[in-house]
Amino acid sequence: MNVGRYLPKGLQAIWRAKLRAAYRQNKYEVAVRSLEKLAAELHSINPSAEASLKEGLEETLSLHRLGLYAELGKDTIF
C-alpha cells in the first residue's frame, strides 16, 4: 500500500497523518471503519489512491485482528 504516491505533494503529509490516526486505533472494528471512511474520501481525490488503500487493508490490520496492536504495533505503521 502506497497511497501517498497517488496524491499531490501538498496532500501527502495530511493524508499520512489521517492514515496514521486510523491505524493507531487499538480495536480492529474502529480501525476498519476509520480506514473505510478515508477510502471513501480518497475516491473523490484519486480513485487509484482509494484502490491502493483497499488493496492491502486486511493484511495491514493483522495485529489489530489478533488483538495485539496495542502491545506490538504502535511503532510499526508509518
Protein backbone atom coordinates (compact mmCIF):
# COMPACT_ATOMS: atom_id res chain seq x y z
CA MET A 1 0.00 0.00 0.00
CA ASN A 2 1.41 3.33 -1.05
CA VAL A 3 -1.46 5.78 -1.03
CA GLY A 4 0.83 8.81 -0.99
CA ARG A 5 2.31 8.18 -4.40
CA TYR A 6 -1.09 8.81 -5.96
CA LEU A 7 -1.58 12.14 -4.20
CA PRO A 8 -0.22 15.60 -4.97
CA LYS A 9 2.75 16.60 -2.79
CA GLY A 10 0.62 19.16 -0.98
CA LEU A 11 -1.77 16.46 0.27
CA GLN A 12 0.70 13.74 1.17
CA ALA A 13 1.52 14.90 4.72
CA ILE A 14 -2.15 15.49 5.51
CA TRP A 15 -3.10 12.01 4.33
CA ARG A 16 -0.15 10.40 6.08
CA ALA A 17 -1.45 11.90 9.34
CA LYS A 18 -5.03 10.75 8.61
CA LEU A 19 -3.88 7.21 7.85
CA ARG A 20 -1.61 7.11 10.89
CA ALA A 21 -4.51 8.14 13.13
CA ALA A 22 -6.75 5.45 11.64
CA TYR A 23 -4.14 2.72 12.01
CA ARG A 24 -3.37 3.73 15.59
CA GLN A 25 -6.84 2.72 16.71
CA ASN A 26 -6.46 -0.23 19.07
CA LYS A 27 -9.64 -2.04 18.10
CA TYR A 28 -9.93 -3.76 14.73
CA GLU A 29 -13.52 -2.63 14.12
CA VAL A 30 -12.69 1.01 14.82
CA ALA A 31 -9.61 0.91 12.58
CA VAL A 32 -11.56 -0.70 9.73
CA ARG A 33 -14.36 1.89 9.95
CA SER A 34 -11.83 4.73 10.02
CA LEU A 35 -9.94 3.38 7.03
CA GLU A 36 -13.13 2.74 5.07
CA LYS A 37 -14.17 6.36 5.63
CA LEU A 38 -10.77 7.52 4.41
CA ALA A 39 -11.07 5.30 1.34
CA ALA A 40 -14.41 6.93 0.53
CA GLU A 41 -12.78 10.37 0.84
CA LEU A 42 -9.93 9.28 -1.41
CA HIS A 43 -12.35 8.21 -4.13
CA SER A 44 -13.10 11.83 -4.99
CA ILE A 45 -9.44 12.84 -4.82
CA ASN A 46 -7.86 9.93 -6.68
CA PRO A 47 -9.50 6.53 -7.28
CA SER A 48 -6.06 4.91 -7.58
CA ALA A 49 -5.21 6.07 -4.05
CA GLU A 50 -8.51 4.62 -2.86
CA ALA A 51 -7.74 1.31 -4.58
CA SER A 52 -4.26 1.24 -3.05
CA LEU A 53 -5.67 1.67 0.45
CA LYS A 54 -8.32 -1.00 -0.05
CA GLU A 55 -5.90 -3.45 -1.67
CA GLY A 56 -3.81 -4.10 1.41
CA LEU A 57 -6.32 -3.23 4.09
CA GLU A 58 -6.81 -6.64 5.70
CA GLU A 59 -3.11 -7.50 5.63
CA THR A 60 -2.16 -4.23 7.30
CA LEU A 61 -4.67 -4.87 10.09
CA SER A 62 -3.39 -8.31 11.13
CA LEU A 63 -2.17 -7.14 14.55
CA HIS A 64 -5.49 -5.38 15.12
CA ARG A 65 -7.45 -8.50 14.20
CA LEU A 66 -5.37 -10.59 16.60
CA GLY A 67 -5.81 -8.04 19.40
CA LEU A 68 -2.07 -7.38 19.54
CA TYR A 69 -1.78 -3.90 18.05
CA ALA A 70 -1.73 -2.09 21.41
CA GLU A 71 1.21 -4.24 22.51
CA LEU A 72 3.19 -4.75 19.31
CA GLY A 73 2.05 -2.35 16.64
CA LYS A 74 2.37 1.24 17.79
CA ASP A 75 5.72 1.83 16.08
CA THR A 76 5.23 -0.37 13.03
CA ILE A 77 2.92 1.68 10.83
CA PHE A 78 4.04 4.96 9.30
